[in-house]
Amino acid sequence: EETIGVVGWDHDGCIDSDHVCVAQVSDGDCPSGAYCSLLDTGVYGCVASSKKLL
């Protein structure tokens, strides 16, 4: 298990996966309550699901 930053959260999420959403991994896993998305920085990362509606 590892910690991973999630956009929109003020804390890191935890995830137990060998296929994490990061860099160029567009279909990687994210902690519960977050989804994989292309970030403004041009790489993929986890974003809080609550941000999806905005």
PDB file of N, CA and C in Angstrom:
ATOM      1  N   GLU A   1       0.849  -1.184   0.000  1.00  0.00           N
ATOM      2  CA  GLU A   1       0.000   0.000   0.000  1.00  0.00           C
ATOM      3  C   GLU A   1       0.890   1.242   0.000  1.00  0.00           C
ATOM      4  N   GLU A   2       0.474   2.232  -0.738  1.00  0.00           N
ATOM      5  CA  GLU A   2       1.241   3.468  -0.791  1.00  0.00           C
ATOM      6  C   GLU A   2       0.307   4.662  -0.718  1.00  0.00           C
ATOM      7  N   THR A   3       0.865   5.819  -0.393  1.00  0.00           N
ATOM      8  CA  THR A   3       0.069   7.035  -0.372  1.00  0.00           C
ATOM      9  C   THR A   3       0.221   7.742  -1.705  1.00  0.00           C
ATOM     10  N   ILE A   4      -0.820   8.436  -2.092  1.00  0.00           N
ATOM     11  CA  ILE A   4      -0.811   9.146  -3.367  1.00  0.00           C
ATOM     12  C   ILE A   4      -1.570  10.451  -3.202  1.00  0.00           C
ATOM     13  N   GLY A   5      -1.039  11.502  -3.780  1.00  0.00           N
ATOM     14  CA  GLY A   5      -1.710  12.792  -3.704  1.00  0.00           C
ATOM     15  C   GLY A   5      -2.960  12.800  -4.561  1.00  0.00           C
ATOM     16  N   VAL A   6      -3.982  13.479  -4.086  1.00  0.00           N
ATOM     17  CA  VAL A   6      -5.237  13.600  -4.827  1.00  0.00           C
ATOM     18  C   VAL A   6      -5.602  15.074  -4.935  1.00  0.00           C
ATOM     19  N   VAL A   7      -5.785  15.556  -6.157  1.00  0.00           N
ATOM     20  CA  VAL A   7      -6.177  16.946  -6.373  1.00  0.00           C
ATOM     21  C   VAL A   7      -7.553  17.185  -5.752  1.00  0.00           C
ATOM     22  N   GLY A   8      -7.659  18.210  -4.920  1.00  0.00           N
ATOM     23  CA  GLY A   8      -8.928  18.531  -4.287  1.00  0.00           C
ATOM     24  C   GLY A   8      -9.036  18.018  -2.862  1.00  0.00           C
ATOM     25  N   TRP A   9      -8.085  17.188  -2.436  1.00  0.00           N
ATOM     26  CA  TRP A   9      -8.046  16.707  -1.052  1.00  0.00           C
ATOM     27  C   TRP A   9      -6.929  17.426  -0.325  1.00  0.00           C
ATOM     28  N   ASP A  10      -7.108  17.679   0.976  1.00  0.00           N
ATOM     29  CA  ASP A  10      -6.041  18.292   1.766  1.00  0.00           C
ATOM     30  C   ASP A  10      -5.189  17.232   2.459  1.00  0.00           C
ATOM     31  N   HIS A  11      -5.351  15.990   2.028  1.00  0.00           N
ATOM     32  CA  HIS A  11      -4.549  14.884   2.560  1.00  0.00           C
ATOM     33  C   HIS A  11      -4.291  13.891   1.429  1.00  0.00           C
ATOM     34  N   ASP A  12      -3.318  13.023   1.623  1.00  0.00           N
ATOM     35  CA  ASP A  12      -3.047  11.988   0.633  1.00  0.00           C
ATOM     36  C   ASP A  12      -4.033  10.842   0.793  1.00  0.00           C
ATOM     37  N   GLY A  13      -4.267  10.131  -0.309  1.00  0.00           N
ATOM     38  CA  GLY A  13      -5.083   8.932  -0.254  1.00  0.00           C
ATOM     39  C   GLY A  13      -4.183   7.713  -0.207  1.00  0.00           C
ATOM     40  N   CYS A  14      -4.730   6.585   0.195  1.00  0.00           N
ATOM     41  CA  CYS A  14      -3.968   5.336   0.218  1.00  0.00           C
ATOM     42  C   CYS A  14      -4.500   4.411  -0.865  1.00  0.00           C
ATOM     43  N   ILE A  15      -3.579   3.678  -1.489  1.00  0.00           N
ATOM     44  CA  ILE A  15      -3.973   2.778  -2.564  1.00  0.00           C
ATOM     45  C   ILE A  15      -3.080   1.552  -2.555  1.00  0.00           C
ATOM     46  N   ASP A  16      -3.671   0.399  -2.799  1.00  0.00           N
ATOM     47  CA  ASP A  16      -2.925  -0.853  -2.861  1.00  0.00           C
ATOM     48  C   ASP A  16      -3.021  -1.357  -4.289  1.00  0.00           C
ATOM     49  N   SER A  17      -2.062  -0.954  -5.115  1.00  0.00           N
ATOM     50  CA  SER A  17      -2.112  -1.275  -6.537  1.00  0.00           C
ATOM     51  C   SER A  17      -0.722  -1.201  -7.136  1.00  0.00           C
ATOM     52  N   ASP A  18      -0.483  -2.014  -8.159  1.00  0.00           N
ATOM     53  CA  ASP A  18       0.756  -1.937  -8.925  1.00  0.00           C
ATOM     54  C   ASP A  18       0.537  -1.137 -10.206  1.00  0.00           C
ATOM     55  N   HIS A  19      -0.667  -0.587 -10.366  1.00  0.00           N
ATOM     56  CA  HIS A  19      -1.016   0.140 -11.593  1.00  0.00           C
ATOM     57  C   HIS A  19      -1.721   1.432 -11.189  1.00  0.00           C
ATOM     58  N   VAL A  20      -0.925   2.374 -10.699  1.00  0.00           N
ATOM     59  CA  VAL A  20      -1.463   3.615 -10.149  1.00  0.00           C
ATOM     60  C   VAL A  20      -1.560   4.682 -11.229  1.00  0.00           C
ATOM     61  N   CYS A  21      -2.572   5.505 -11.135  1.00  0.00           N
ATOM     62  CA  CYS A  21      -2.772   6.631 -12.043  1.00  0.00           C
ATOM     63  C   CYS A  21      -1.696   7.682 -11.793  1.00  0.00           C
ATOM     64  N   VAL A  22      -0.709   7.758 -12.689  1.00  0.00           N
ATOM     65  CA  VAL A  22       0.380   8.722 -12.536  1.00  0.00           C
ATOM     66  C   VAL A  22       1.086   8.902 -13.872  1.00  0.00           C
ATOM     67  N   ALA A  23       1.638  10.073 -14.092  1.00  0.00           N
ATOM     68  CA  ALA A  23       2.427  10.359 -15.299  1.00  0.00           C
ATOM     69  C   ALA A  23       1.638  10.033 -16.569  1.00  0.00           C
ATOM     70  N   GLN A  24       2.033   8.982 -17.298  1.00  0.00           N
ATOM     71  CA  GLN A  24       1.369   8.634 -18.553  1.00  0.00           C
ATOM     72  C   GLN A  24       0.379   7.478 -18.407  1.00  0.00           C
ATOM     73  N   VAL A  25       0.120   7.049 -17.175  1.00  0.00           N
ATOM     74  CA  VAL A  25      -0.792   5.920 -16.934  1.00  0.00           C
ATOM     75  C   VAL A  25      -2.222   6.439 -16.824  1.00  0.00           C
ATOM     76  N   SER A  26      -2.908   6.512 -17.987  1.00  0.00           N
ATOM     77  CA  SER A  26      -4.234   7.136 -18.032  1.00  0.00           C
ATOM     78  C   SER A  26      -5.337   6.252 -17.457  1.00  0.00           C
ATOM     79  N   ASP A  27      -5.079   4.961 -17.333  1.00  0.00           N
ATOM     80  CA  ASP A  27      -6.114   4.046 -16.834  1.00  0.00           C
ATOM     81  C   ASP A  27      -5.719   3.452 -15.485  1.00  0.00           C
ATOM     82  N   GLY A  28      -4.867   4.171 -14.769  1.00  0.00           N
ATOM     83  CA  GLY A  28      -4.403   3.673 -13.479  1.00  0.00           C
ATOM     84  C   GLY A  28      -5.453   3.788 -12.388  1.00  0.00           C
ATOM     85  N   ASP A  29      -5.129   3.190 -11.258  1.00  0.00           N
ATOM     86  CA  ASP A  29      -6.048   3.168 -10.124  1.00  0.00           C
ATOM     87  C   ASP A  29      -5.860   4.390  -9.234  1.00  0.00           C
ATOM     88  N   CYS A  30      -6.948   4.782  -8.584  1.00  0.00           N
ATOM     89  CA  CYS A  30      -6.939   5.883  -7.623  1.00  0.00           C
ATOM     90  C   CYS A  30      -7.621   5.420  -6.337  1.00  0.00           C
ATOM     91  N   PRO A  31      -7.376   6.130  -5.245  1.00  0.00           N
ATOM     92  CA  PRO A  31      -8.080   5.787  -4.002  1.00  0.00           C
ATOM     93  C   PRO A  31      -9.595   5.921  -4.173  1.00  0.00           C
ATOM     94  N   SER A  32     -10.341   5.281  -3.304  1.00  0.00           N
ATOM     95  CA  SER A  32     -11.791   5.398  -3.316  1.00  0.00           C
ATOM     96  C   SER A  32     -12.179   6.857  -3.157  1.00  0.00           C
ATOM     97  N   GLY A  33     -13.084   7.330  -4.002  1.00  0.00           N
ATOM     98  CA  GLY A  33     -13.509   8.719  -3.940  1.00  0.00           C
ATOM     99  C   GLY A  33     -12.724   9.625  -4.865  1.00  0.00           C
ATOM    100  N   ALA A  34     -11.888   9.010  -5.709  1.00  0.00           N
ATOM    101  CA  ALA A  34     -11.108   9.795  -6.668  1.00  0.00           C
ATOM    102  C   ALA A  34     -11.082   9.066  -8.004  1.00  0.00           C
ATOM    103  N   TYR A  35     -10.764   9.803  -9.065  1.00  0.00           N
ATOM    104  CA  TYR A  35     -10.691   9.194 -10.391  1.00  0.00           C
ATOM    105  C   TYR A  35      -9.442   9.686 -11.116  1.00  0.00           C
ATOM    106  N   CYS A  36      -9.056   8.967 -12.151  1.00  0.00           N
ATOM    107  CA  CYS A  36      -7.855   9.281 -12.913  1.00  0.00           C
ATOM    108  C   CYS A  36      -8.188  10.313 -13.988  1.00  0.00           C
ATOM    109  N   SER A  37      -7.405  11.376 -14.060  1.00  0.00           N
ATOM    110  CA  SER A  37      -7.681  12.448 -15.008  1.00  0.00           C
ATOM    111  C   SER A  37      -6.384  13.090 -15.483  1.00  0.00           C
ATOM    112  N   LEU A  38      -6.431  13.669 -16.676  1.00  0.00           N
ATOM    113  CA  LEU A  38      -5.295  14.428 -17.192  1.00  0.00           C
ATOM    114  C   LEU A  38      -5.250  15.775 -16.471  1.00  0.00           C
ATOM    115  N   LEU A  39      -4.154  16.046 -15.809  1.00  0.00           N
ATOM    116  CA  LEU A  39      -4.010  17.270 -15.030  1.00  0.00           C
ATOM    117  C   LEU A  39      -3.547  18.429 -15.901  1.00  0.00           C
ATOM    118  N   ASP A  40      -3.650  19.628 -15.360  1.00  0.00           N
ATOM    119  CA  ASP A  40      -3.216  20.832 -16.073  1.00  0.00           C
ATOM    120  C   ASP A  40      -1.732  20.789 -16.409  1.00  0.00           C
ATOM    121  N   THR A  41      -0.980  20.000 -15.654  1.00  0.00           N
ATOM    122  CA  THR A  41       0.466  19.908 -15.861  1.00  0.00           C
ATOM    123  C   THR A  41       0.831  18.993 -17.028  1.00  0.00           C
ATOM    124  N   GLY A  42      -0.177  18.332 -17.624  1.00  0.00           N
ATOM    125  CA  GLY A  42       0.076  17.490 -18.786  1.00  0.00           C
ATOM    126  C   GLY A  42       0.355  16.040 -18.455  1.00  0.00           C
ATOM    127  N   VAL A  43       0.244  15.683 -17.185  1.00  0.00           N
ATOM    128  CA  VAL A  43       0.406  14.290 -16.779  1.00  0.00           C
ATOM    129  C   VAL A  43      -0.871  13.828 -16.091  1.00  0.00           C
ATOM    130  N   TYR A  44      -1.009  12.514 -15.938  1.00  0.00           N
ATOM    131  CA  TYR A  44      -2.200  11.977 -15.285  1.00  0.00           C
ATOM    132  C   TYR A  44      -2.020  11.919 -13.777  1.00  0.00           C
ATOM    133  N   GLY A  45      -3.121  12.086 -13.075  1.00  0.00           N
ATOM    134  CA  GLY A  45      -3.110  12.007 -11.625  1.00  0.00           C
ATOM    135  C   GLY A  45      -4.519  11.815 -11.111  1.00  0.00           C
ATOM    136  N   CYS A  46      -4.619  11.567  -9.817  1.00  0.00           N
ATOM    137  CA  CYS A  46      -5.922  11.336  -9.201  1.00  0.00           C
ATOM    138  C   CYS A  46      -6.565  12.658  -8.804  1.00  0.00           C
ATOM    139  N   VAL A  47      -7.866  12.755  -9.058  1.00  0.00           N
ATOM    140  CA  VAL A  47      -8.643  13.944  -8.738  1.00  0.00           C
ATOM    141  C   VAL A  47      -9.853  13.515  -7.908  1.00  0.00           C
ATOM    142  N   ALA A  48     -10.182  14.298  -6.898  1.00  0.00           N
ATOM    143  CA  ALA A  48     -11.335  13.993  -6.055  1.00  0.00           C
ATOM    144  C   ALA A  48     -12.603  13.922  -6.900  1.00  0.00           C
ATOM    145  N   SER A  49     -13.414  12.912  -6.684  1.00  0.00           N
ATOM    146  CA  SER A  49     -14.643  12.739  -7.468  1.00  0.00           C
ATOM    147  C   SER A  49     -15.578  13.932  -7.327  1.00  0.00           C
ATOM    148  N   SER A  50     -15.541  14.604  -6.197  1.00  0.00           N
ATOM    149  CA  SER A  50     -16.412  15.759  -5.984  1.00  0.00           C
ATOM    150  C   SER A  50     -16.070  16.909  -6.925  1.00  0.00           C
ATOM    151  N   LYS A  51     -14.852  16.922  -7.456  1.00  0.00           N
ATOM    152  CA  LYS A  51     -14.433  17.975  -8.380  1.00  0.00           C
ATOM    153  C   LYS A  51     -14.969  17.736  -9.789  1.00  0.00           C
ATOM    154  N   LYS A  52     -15.436  16.530 -10.056  1.00  0.00           N
ATOM    155  CA  LYS A  52     -15.845  16.144 -11.401  1.00  0.00           C
ATOM    156  C   LYS A  52     -17.065  16.940 -11.869  1.00  0.00           C
ATOM    157  N   LEU A  53     -17.889  17.377 -10.948  1.00  0.00           N
ATOM    158  CA  LEU A  53     -19.131  18.052 -11.300  1.00  0.00           C
ATOM    159  C   LEU A  53     -18.917  19.515 -11.661  1.00  0.00           C
ATOM    160  N   LEU A  54     -17.763  20.060 -11.329  1.00  0.00           N
ATOM    161  CA  LEU A  54     -17.509  21.480 -11.557  1.00  0.00           C
ATOM    162  C   LEU A  54     -17.114  21.764 -12.993  1.00  0.00           C
TER     163      LEU A  54
END
